Structure formats: structure tokens, C-alpha cells
Amino acid sequence: MRFADLISETLHSLTSNKVRSGLTILGIVVGIASVIAMIAIGQGSQASIEQSIQAAGSNLLTVSPSAGGQSGPGARSFGASVQSLTREDAESLAGLALVSGVAPSAQGQAQLVADGTNANVQIVGVTPAYATVSGLTVVSGSFISERDDVANAQVVVLGSTLAVDLFGEAADPVGEHIRSGNMLLTVVGVLEEKGAGLSNADSTAFIPLSTAFRYVTGSQYLSSIVLTVTDEEQMDMAEASVEATLLQRHGISDPDYADFQIQNMADMLETVSSVTGTFTALLAGIAGISLFVGGIGIMNMMLTTVTERTREIGLRKAIGADSSAISAQFLAESITLTLIGGVLGVVAGWGIGFVAANLLGVSAVITIDSVLLAAGVCAFIGVVFGYYPARRAAALSPIDALRYQ
């Protein structure tokens, strides 16, 4: 049978029963679209999380107080919080060879009042190095200075969202005053919008660290110490150096009893990538079940078609058609159904992925790999699920086929 004749017969057979062919194609469309959409959403979520971590800085180490194995010797516990880190600890870490920046901080909650508007926000006491280490940019005014920190100055730098909440979009709040408890804070700077990340700097108020100790936390203990490492390839070495230094300073010999914990952003990025990758594969696997169901639908249709066209098969064989021509006929019909469903499924999956991703607040990522995967699966389904009906048709005896009623 010539290729042109094969295509012509295939199209004629499929269009002779449009409803059945359409429903069979729909099964493939649903399966392919599900896989494409799930992979797009999963990879988009992964990219969004990784971007948030990288925006915070993938070369960062964050040291936080911790009760450790049994509340290490240097830890002081007040209610649910543990206080063990001091400004002197931060200064000692600044001298390490692999550390290029150190930003100690102390944080608490505060009610800020300005021009009759109030907001309950996180207020963080920081040093001048905090802006550089955390990647913050001032768009109006200036950040906390060394002079502010030494003088316990009552000044504040506002995140972009907080500045709008307190003073409106049109106003430049630099020079304005904010009341917070016993403090009358003067706004000295406004930060550039940073966006969603591991910390919400846009809705945070920053004051000098010494001022936070005196008016906010009431103690000389830190909430965290953020460090930048000179080389991302040496994050583990830097972490070990920081741990050894703090253990020595706190007089702790067993790391299991450490009164602090170190968060390695590079490890976090690797872990998150692994988890989200596994989750994406799981979603794709679940969606792939619908592909299997679609393949069963193709096989069911082709078996039904073979039964309905038994006399036609017998007639073709009687006038000289061989088994390979009959097999090729039905296999071509199966593959055509699958390819049409695959193309429509890729388009539908692309659209569904982008719509769903927008609703979830992430970006859909359609990669060439996912499209090639869908195409490969389509071809596999068309051949595998079409082979048995095609072979069954080819194996029919011409005499028995012509007698079939």
C-alpha cells in the first residue's frame, strides 16, 4: 500500500465516526495537558523558591540562638526564647578569613504611629553593615550609620511597603517623625522594594542596634548574626570555622550542646531544589496515570473498530492485501489519533499551566524537555496500544472474516 493511500484511508476511517474519534483524542489531550501543566507549575514553583533564596544571598550563613541538646551552658532561656548570642560574638566572627561581612541584629514587635496612622510591625535593630549583607538599597535618605549606632540615636529606616502604609504613596517620609512606645523616631531613609523573600524587608522598620537593645528588647542579646562568605565553594568550611569559634567563645566542648544553630543558605538552596524536583516528578507521575487511561481508550476504540470492520478486512485480504498492509492500516489510525491528541494536549497544557500558575502566584515554566517528553509518550502510546488491535486485524482469516455477520 502506498503511503498516500495509507494516509487517505486513515483519515477516511477516523472521520467516518467523528464522535468516537473525538472522545478517544480527548483522553489523550487530558493526559498530555495534565503532564505539561503539572510540570510547568512544579518547575515554576521551584524557580520561584530558588529565586527567593538567591535574592536573600546564596553565600549567607545565619547564626541564631538555640537551646541545643540540653540548653547549652551559655544559653539563657526566657520563656519560649533562647538568648545566647552577643555583639562580641559577632565581632569575633568578623575576623575569620572566609567571612567578608557580619550583620548582627536584634528584633521585636512594635506599634508605629505617624499622622494618625498606625501599624504593628517587626522592628529590627541593625548595624550599618546590615544593608550590604542583606542586599538592601536605600532610595531616599540614608541607612543607619555608625554614628547613629554609637549614639543610641532614635532614627528609623522604613521598608517600601511600610513607608506607604504610614505616609501614603506620594509623600517622602524622610525627616518625618514616628512614635513607638517611649521613642520618637525620625525617618532617615526609605528602602527600595525588595519583594517576597525569606524575610519581608518591605514591611520592616530598621533602627540602630544599640537603640533596639535599650528601647525594644531590653537586653544585650542578639536575635541573629548574618554573615557573608567570600567564596560560595567554601560555604561548608566557613560554617565549620564559625561553629568552632562560637563553641570556643561559649565554653562548649560538645557540638551537640551548642547554644546556637547555623543555617547555610547554599545547603538550603540545594535541599529546596531537591524537594521541589521530587514534588514535580510526583505531580507528573500522577498526571501520567491519565495518559495510561487514554491509551486504554485508544486500544478499546481500535478493538471495536476491528470488530466492526471484520468483513472489510476479509474483503481486502481476498483481493490480495497482505497482513502487513492490514496491520499498517490500523496502526496508522492509532498513531494518528495519538499525535492529534498530543498536539492539542501540549497547547492545552501550556494554557492551563500559565492560568493555574498565575492563580497560584508563580511563573509557569514550559521547557523543551517537557514537550519532548510529551511527544515521546504520545508516540509510545500510539504504537504500544495500537499494536495489539493491528496485529489482531492482520491475523484474521479472509474466509472467517467474510462470513462474519
Protein backbone atom coordinates (compact mmCIF):
# COMPACT_ATOMS: atom_id res chain seq x y z
CA MET A 1 0.00 0.00 0.00
CA ARG A 2 1.35 3.39 -0.97
CA PHE A 3 1.93 5.93 1.81
CA ALA A 4 -0.55 8.37 0.26
CA ASP A 5 -3.22 5.67 0.14
CA LEU A 6 -2.47 4.77 3.76
CA ILE A 7 -2.96 8.38 4.89
CA SER A 8 -6.13 8.73 2.85
CA GLU A 9 -7.64 5.53 4.27
CA THR A 10 -6.64 6.54 7.80
CA LEU A 11 -8.32 9.95 7.57
CA HIS A 12 -11.43 8.46 5.99
CA SER A 13 -11.71 5.84 8.74
CA LEU A 14 -11.27 8.37 11.57
CA THR A 15 -13.71 10.91 10.13
CA SER A 16 -16.38 8.32 9.46
CA ASN A 17 -17.08 8.20 13.19
CA LYS A 18 -16.21 11.66 14.42
CA VAL A 19 -17.73 11.35 17.90
CA ARG A 20 -15.83 8.18 18.77
CA SER A 21 -12.58 9.56 17.37
CA GLY A 22 -13.10 12.85 19.20
CA LEU A 23 -13.68 11.17 22.56
CA THR A 24 -10.60 8.99 22.08
CA ILE A 25 -8.48 12.04 21.21
CA LEU A 26 -9.90 13.84 24.26
CA GLY A 27 -8.49 11.15 26.53
CA ILE A 28 -5.02 11.79 25.17
CA VAL A 29 -5.49 15.57 25.33
CA VAL A 30 -6.40 15.39 29.02
CA GLY A 31 -3.41 13.18 29.80
CA ILE A 32 -0.82 15.23 27.92
CA ALA A 33 -2.25 18.54 29.14
CA SER A 34 -2.14 17.29 32.74
CA VAL A 35 1.51 16.28 32.48
CA ILE A 36 2.57 19.52 30.77
CA ALA A 37 0.62 21.70 33.23
CA MET A 38 1.87 19.86 36.32
CA ILE A 39 5.50 20.00 35.20
CA ALA A 40 5.12 23.72 34.32
CA ILE A 41 3.63 24.57 37.70
CA GLY A 42 6.13 22.42 39.59
CA GLN A 43 9.16 23.87 37.82
CA GLY A 44 7.73 27.37 38.16
CA SER A 45 7.32 26.90 41.91
CA GLN A 46 10.85 25.55 42.15
CA ALA A 47 12.24 28.52 40.23
CA SER A 48 10.29 30.96 42.41
CA ILE A 49 11.59 29.43 45.65
CA GLU A 50 15.16 29.29 44.36
CA GLN A 51 14.91 32.92 43.24
CA SER A 52 13.75 33.97 46.72
CA ILE A 53 16.69 32.20 48.33
CA GLN A 54 19.19 33.59 45.84
CA ALA A 55 17.74 37.08 46.29
CA ALA A 56 18.48 36.79 50.00
CA GLY A 57 22.00 35.64 49.13
CA SER A 58 23.19 32.11 48.47
CA ASN A 59 26.55 32.86 50.16
CA LEU A 60 25.00 33.68 53.54
CA LEU A 61 25.33 31.96 56.88
CA THR A 62 22.77 32.84 59.54
CA VAL A 63 23.57 32.13 63.17
CA SER A 64 20.60 32.00 65.56
CA PRO A 65 20.27 31.19 69.28
CA SER A 66 19.26 27.64 70.06
CA ALA A 67 18.65 25.57 73.20
CA GLY A 68 20.80 22.81 71.71
CA GLY A 69 20.83 19.30 73.17
CA GLN A 70 20.08 20.39 76.73
CA SER A 71 20.25 24.18 76.71
CA GLY A 72 23.98 24.70 76.36
CA PRO A 73 25.96 26.30 79.19
CA GLY A 74 25.97 29.75 77.59
CA ALA A 75 22.25 29.88 76.81
CA ARG A 76 19.78 31.92 78.81
CA SER A 77 16.16 30.95 78.34
CA PHE A 78 13.37 33.49 78.77
CA GLY A 79 10.01 31.81 78.22
CA ALA A 80 9.98 30.33 74.72
CA SER A 81 13.10 32.21 73.53
CA VAL A 82 16.77 31.39 73.99
CA GLN A 83 19.32 34.18 74.25
CA SER A 84 22.95 33.23 73.75
CA LEU A 85 24.48 35.46 71.05
CA THR A 86 26.16 38.76 71.85
CA ARG A 87 27.63 41.63 69.91
CA GLU A 88 31.08 40.41 70.94
CA ASP A 89 30.34 37.10 69.21
CA ALA A 90 29.63 38.97 66.00
CA GLU A 91 32.85 40.97 66.30
CA SER A 92 34.86 37.77 66.76
CA LEU A 93 33.30 36.24 63.64
CA ALA A 94 34.21 39.32 61.60
CA GLY A 95 37.87 38.37 61.98
CA LEU A 96 37.52 34.97 60.27
CA ALA A 97 39.35 34.58 56.97
CA LEU A 98 36.38 33.34 54.93
CA VAL A 99 33.91 35.91 56.28
CA SER A 100 33.58 39.16 54.33
CA GLY A 101 30.67 40.76 56.15
CA VAL A 102 28.90 40.44 59.52
CA ALA A 103 25.49 41.88 60.40
CA PRO A 104 24.21 41.32 63.95
CA SER A 105 20.56 42.14 64.61
CA ALA A 106 18.00 42.20 67.40
CA GLN A 107 14.33 42.22 66.59
CA GLY A 108 10.95 42.66 68.22
CA GLN A 109 7.41 43.84 67.53
CA ALA A 110 6.42 47.49 67.81
CA GLN A 111 3.42 49.73 67.23
CA LEU A 112 4.38 52.62 64.99
CA VAL A 113 2.18 55.73 64.85
CA ALA A 114 2.53 58.52 62.28
CA ASP A 115 -0.01 61.22 61.38
CA GLY A 116 -2.85 59.28 62.95
CA THR A 117 -1.91 56.10 61.07
CA ASN A 118 -0.54 53.14 62.97
CA ALA A 119 0.97 49.79 62.09
CA ASN A 120 2.08 46.81 64.15
CA VAL A 121 5.35 45.78 62.53
CA GLN A 122 8.61 43.98 63.04
CA ILE A 123 11.28 46.39 64.20
CA VAL A 124 14.90 45.30 63.76
CA GLY A 125 17.97 46.78 65.37
CA VAL A 126 20.90 46.65 62.93
CA THR A 127 24.39 47.95 62.26
CA PRO A 128 25.43 49.82 59.08
CA ALA A 129 26.73 46.55 57.57
CA TYR A 130 23.23 45.05 57.53
CA ALA A 131 22.22 46.81 54.31
CA THR A 132 25.19 45.41 52.40
CA VAL A 133 24.96 41.90 53.81
CA SER A 134 21.19 41.65 53.25
CA GLY A 135 21.21 43.35 49.85
CA LEU A 136 19.06 46.34 50.86
CA THR A 137 19.10 49.54 48.77
CA VAL A 138 18.08 52.98 50.02
CA VAL A 139 16.06 55.03 47.53
CA SER A 140 15.53 58.08 49.73
CA GLY A 141 17.71 59.37 52.56
CA SER A 142 20.32 57.07 54.06
CA PHE A 143 20.68 53.86 56.05
CA ILE A 144 21.64 53.52 59.69
CA SER A 145 25.12 54.99 60.23
CA GLU A 146 27.91 54.08 62.64
CA ARG A 147 27.31 57.40 64.38
CA ASP A 148 23.61 56.53 64.90
CA ASP A 149 24.56 53.22 66.46
CA VAL A 150 27.16 54.70 68.82
CA ALA A 151 24.81 57.48 69.96
CA ASN A 152 21.71 55.28 70.52
CA ALA A 153 20.04 57.59 68.02
CA GLN A 154 16.26 57.43 67.69
CA VAL A 155 16.20 57.14 63.90
CA VAL A 156 14.44 54.67 61.65
CA VAL A 157 14.68 53.37 58.09
CA LEU A 158 11.39 52.17 56.60
CA GLY A 159 10.71 49.37 54.18
CA SER A 160 8.94 50.46 50.98
CA THR A 161 5.54 48.99 51.89
CA LEU A 162 5.67 50.29 55.46
CA ALA A 163 6.51 53.81 54.25
CA VAL A 164 3.42 53.82 52.03
CA ASP A 165 1.23 52.41 54.83
CA LEU A 166 2.26 55.16 57.23
CA PHE A 167 2.65 58.19 54.95
CA GLY A 168 0.93 57.38 51.65
CA GLU A 169 2.39 56.86 48.19
CA ALA A 170 3.02 60.49 47.25
CA ALA A 171 4.84 61.59 50.39
CA ASP A 172 8.58 61.35 51.06
CA PRO A 173 8.72 60.46 54.76
CA VAL A 174 12.40 61.33 55.27
CA GLY A 175 12.55 63.85 58.11
CA GLU A 176 9.11 62.90 59.44
CA HIS A 177 8.57 61.58 62.96
CA ILE A 178 7.12 58.29 64.16
CA ARG A 179 6.02 57.49 67.69
CA SER A 180 6.76 54.00 69.05
CA GLY A 181 6.35 53.50 72.78
CA ASN A 182 8.91 55.71 74.53
CA MET A 183 10.68 56.51 71.28
CA LEU A 184 10.14 59.43 68.94
CA LEU A 185 11.84 58.14 65.81
CA THR A 186 12.99 60.34 62.95
CA VAL A 187 12.77 58.76 59.50
CA VAL A 188 16.22 58.95 57.87
CA GLY A 189 15.69 56.61 54.93
CA VAL A 190 13.31 54.55 52.80
CA LEU A 191 14.32 51.26 51.19
CA GLU A 192 13.81 50.13 47.64
CA GLU A 193 11.16 47.44 47.19
CA LYS A 194 12.81 44.05 47.66
CA GLY A 195 9.85 41.77 47.05
CA ALA A 196 8.91 38.48 48.64
CA GLY A 197 11.77 36.52 50.10
CA LEU A 198 12.87 34.71 53.22
CA SER A 199 12.30 37.92 55.21
CA ASN A 200 9.83 40.68 54.50
CA ALA A 201 12.10 43.73 54.48
CA ASP A 202 9.42 45.81 52.70
CA SER A 203 7.23 45.82 55.80
CA THR A 204 10.02 46.15 58.37
CA ALA A 205 11.35 49.12 60.33
CA PHE A 206 15.14 49.28 60.94
CA ILE A 207 16.71 51.16 63.85
CA PRO A 208 20.26 51.25 65.29
CA LEU A 209 21.21 48.07 67.15
CA SER A 210 22.10 49.97 70.34
CA THR A 211 18.70 51.69 70.24
CA ALA A 212 16.95 48.33 69.91
CA PHE A 213 18.85 47.00 72.93
CA ARG A 214 17.75 49.97 75.03
CA TYR A 215 14.15 50.53 73.94
CA VAL A 216 12.88 47.35 72.22
CA THR A 217 14.45 44.13 73.51
CA GLY A 218 15.64 45.37 76.90
CA SER A 219 18.70 43.09 76.73
CA GLN A 220 22.11 42.94 75.07
CA TYR A 221 21.42 39.66 73.26
CA LEU A 222 21.09 39.27 69.51
CA SER A 223 18.32 37.61 67.53
CA SER A 224 20.70 36.56 64.77
CA ILE A 225 24.04 37.15 63.10
CA VAL A 226 24.13 37.11 59.30
CA LEU A 227 27.49 36.54 57.62
CA THR A 228 28.57 36.73 54.00
CA VAL A 229 31.16 34.19 52.86
CA THR A 230 33.84 35.26 50.39
CA ASP A 231 33.57 32.10 48.26
CA GLU A 232 30.39 30.06 47.77
CA GLU A 233 32.52 27.00 47.10
CA GLN A 234 33.81 27.17 50.68
CA MET A 235 30.48 27.54 52.49
CA ASP A 236 30.94 24.33 54.46
CA MET A 237 34.46 25.32 55.53
CA ALA A 238 33.23 28.74 56.60
CA GLU A 239 30.38 27.17 58.55
CA ALA A 240 32.79 24.87 60.37
CA SER A 241 35.02 27.84 61.21
CA VAL A 242 32.06 29.84 62.59
CA GLU A 243 30.90 26.87 64.66
CA ALA A 244 34.36 26.27 66.14
CA THR A 245 34.76 29.96 67.03
CA LEU A 246 31.41 30.21 68.81
CA LEU A 247 31.84 26.91 70.65
CA GLN A 248 35.18 28.14 71.96
CA ARG A 249 33.77 31.53 72.97
CA HIS A 250 30.81 29.93 74.79
CA GLY A 251 32.96 27.32 76.50
CA ILE A 252 31.17 24.36 74.91
CA SER A 253 33.19 21.25 74.04
CA ASP A 254 30.40 19.08 72.61
CA PRO A 255 28.71 20.47 69.46
CA ASP A 256 25.53 18.61 70.42
CA TYR A 257 25.17 21.04 73.31
CA ALA A 258 25.72 24.16 71.20
CA ASP A 259 23.54 27.12 72.22
CA PHE A 260 23.31 28.31 68.62
CA GLN A 261 22.44 26.96 65.20
CA ILE A 262 23.86 27.83 61.79
CA GLN A 263 21.74 28.00 58.66
CA ASN A 264 23.67 27.53 55.43
CA MET A 265 21.84 29.15 52.51
CA ALA A 266 23.71 27.05 49.94
CA ASP A 267 22.54 23.86 51.67
CA MET A 268 19.03 25.25 51.90
CA LEU A 269 19.02 26.03 48.17
CA GLU A 270 20.20 22.51 47.35
CA THR A 271 17.62 20.93 49.67
CA VAL A 272 14.76 23.03 48.33
CA SER A 273 15.74 22.23 44.74
CA SER A 274 15.79 18.52 45.54
CA VAL A 275 12.44 18.57 47.34
CA THR A 276 10.65 20.63 44.70
CA GLY A 277 12.15 18.50 41.95
CA THR A 278 10.80 15.37 43.60
CA PHE A 279 7.43 17.02 44.08
CA THR A 280 7.33 17.99 40.39
CA ALA A 281 8.13 14.41 39.38
CA LEU A 282 5.37 13.17 41.69
CA LEU A 283 2.84 15.54 40.13
CA ALA A 284 3.90 14.47 36.65
CA GLY A 285 3.59 10.81 37.66
CA ILE A 286 0.09 11.30 38.98
CA ALA A 287 -0.89 13.16 35.82
CA GLY A 288 0.71 10.38 33.78
CA ILE A 289 -1.93 7.97 35.04
CA SER A 290 -4.44 9.78 32.87
CA LEU A 291 -2.16 9.10 29.89
CA PHE A 292 -2.37 5.39 30.60
CA VAL A 293 -6.16 5.67 30.76
CA GLY A 294 -6.09 7.50 27.42
CA GLY A 295 -4.02 4.68 25.94
CA ILE A 296 -6.55 2.13 27.14
CA GLY A 297 -9.21 4.24 25.41
CA ILE A 298 -7.30 4.06 22.13
CA MET A 299 -6.93 0.30 22.40
CA ASN A 300 -10.62 -0.10 23.20
CA MET A 301 -11.61 2.02 20.19
CA MET A 302 -9.29 0.17 17.84
CA LEU A 303 -10.52 -3.25 19.01
CA THR A 304 -14.08 -2.07 18.46
CA THR A 305 -13.10 -0.81 15.01
CA VAL A 306 -11.51 -4.15 14.11
CA THR A 307 -14.72 -5.94 15.09
CA GLU A 308 -16.90 -3.55 13.09
CA ARG A 309 -14.67 -3.79 10.00
CA THR A 310 -14.14 -7.54 10.03
CA ARG A 311 -15.88 -8.06 6.68
CA GLU A 312 -13.88 -5.18 5.18
CA ILE A 313 -10.66 -6.84 6.36
CA GLY A 314 -11.77 -10.15 4.82
CA LEU A 315 -12.59 -8.48 1.52
CA ARG A 316 -9.22 -6.72 1.38
CA LYS A 317 -7.38 -9.93 2.06
CA ALA A 318 -9.48 -11.78 -0.55
CA ILE A 319 -8.41 -9.35 -3.27
CA GLY A 320 -4.73 -9.58 -2.38
CA ALA A 321 -3.96 -7.33 0.62
CA ASP A 322 -1.32 -8.92 2.83
CA SER A 323 -1.19 -8.96 6.64
CA SER A 324 1.42 -6.19 6.82
CA ALA A 325 -0.84 -3.80 4.89
CA ILE A 326 -3.79 -4.53 7.20
CA SER A 327 -1.57 -4.12 10.28
CA ALA A 328 -0.13 -0.85 8.96
CA GLN A 329 -3.64 0.47 8.33
CA PHE A 330 -4.84 0.07 11.90
CA LEU A 331 -1.52 1.06 13.46
CA ALA A 332 -1.57 4.27 11.40
CA GLU A 333 -5.05 5.08 12.70
CA SER A 334 -3.91 4.56 16.29
CA ILE A 335 -0.79 6.73 15.87
CA THR A 336 -2.76 9.48 14.11
CA LEU A 337 -5.25 9.65 16.98
CA THR A 338 -2.39 9.86 19.45
CA LEU A 339 -0.50 12.56 17.55
CA ILE A 340 -3.57 14.76 17.17
CA GLY A 341 -4.31 14.36 20.88
CA GLY A 342 -0.66 15.08 21.71
CA VAL A 343 -0.52 18.35 19.77
CA LEU A 344 -3.79 19.56 21.27
CA GLY A 345 -2.64 18.38 24.71
CA VAL A 346 0.59 20.38 24.55
CA VAL A 347 -1.31 23.53 23.60
CA ALA A 348 -3.94 22.94 26.30
CA GLY A 349 -1.29 22.11 28.90
CA TRP A 350 0.59 25.31 28.07
CA GLY A 351 -2.56 27.38 28.57
CA ILE A 352 -3.70 25.58 31.72
CA GLY A 353 -0.21 25.81 33.20
CA PHE A 354 0.01 29.57 32.76
CA VAL A 355 -3.50 30.18 34.08
CA ALA A 356 -3.01 27.94 37.13
CA ALA A 357 0.44 29.40 37.81
CA ASN A 358 -0.95 32.95 37.75
CA LEU A 359 -3.66 31.95 40.21
CA LEU A 360 -1.01 30.42 42.50
CA GLY A 361 1.24 33.47 42.18
CA VAL A 362 4.15 31.70 40.47
CA SER A 363 5.53 31.62 36.94
CA ALA A 364 4.82 28.61 34.72
CA VAL A 365 7.96 27.15 33.19
CA ILE A 366 7.41 25.28 29.92
CA THR A 367 10.67 23.59 28.95
CA ILE A 368 11.61 21.84 25.73
CA ASP A 369 12.26 18.73 27.84
CA SER A 370 8.65 18.54 28.98
CA VAL A 371 7.39 18.98 25.41
CA LEU A 372 9.77 16.30 24.11
CA LEU A 373 8.66 14.04 26.94
CA ALA A 374 5.04 14.54 25.95
CA ALA A 375 5.86 13.84 22.30
CA GLY A 376 7.76 10.69 23.23
CA VAL A 377 4.94 9.44 25.43
CA CYS A 378 2.45 10.11 22.61
CA ALA A 379 4.47 8.06 20.16
CA PHE A 380 4.88 5.27 22.70
CA ILE A 381 1.16 5.14 23.45
CA GLY A 382 0.22 5.17 19.78
CA VAL A 383 2.49 2.25 18.97
CA VAL A 384 2.00 0.15 22.12
CA PHE A 385 -1.75 0.49 22.46
CA GLY A 386 -2.33 0.29 18.72
CA TYR A 387 -0.11 -2.73 18.09
CA TYR A 388 -2.38 -5.42 19.52
CA PRO A 389 -5.53 -4.34 17.63
CA ALA A 390 -3.45 -4.01 14.44
CA ARG A 391 -1.97 -7.49 14.82
CA ARG A 392 -5.39 -8.90 15.63
CA ALA A 393 -6.79 -7.41 12.44
CA ALA A 394 -3.87 -8.72 10.39
CA ALA A 395 -4.27 -12.23 11.81
CA LEU A 396 -7.89 -12.63 10.71
CA SER A 397 -8.58 -15.34 8.16
CA PRO A 398 -10.16 -13.99 4.92
CA ILE A 399 -12.77 -16.76 4.86
CA ASP A 400 -13.79 -16.31 8.51
CA ALA A 401 -13.79 -12.54 8.11
CA LEU A 402 -16.11 -12.66 5.09
CA ARG A 403 -18.51 -14.96 6.95
CA TYR A 404 -18.62 -12.60 9.98
CA GLN A 405 -22.03 -11.04 10.50
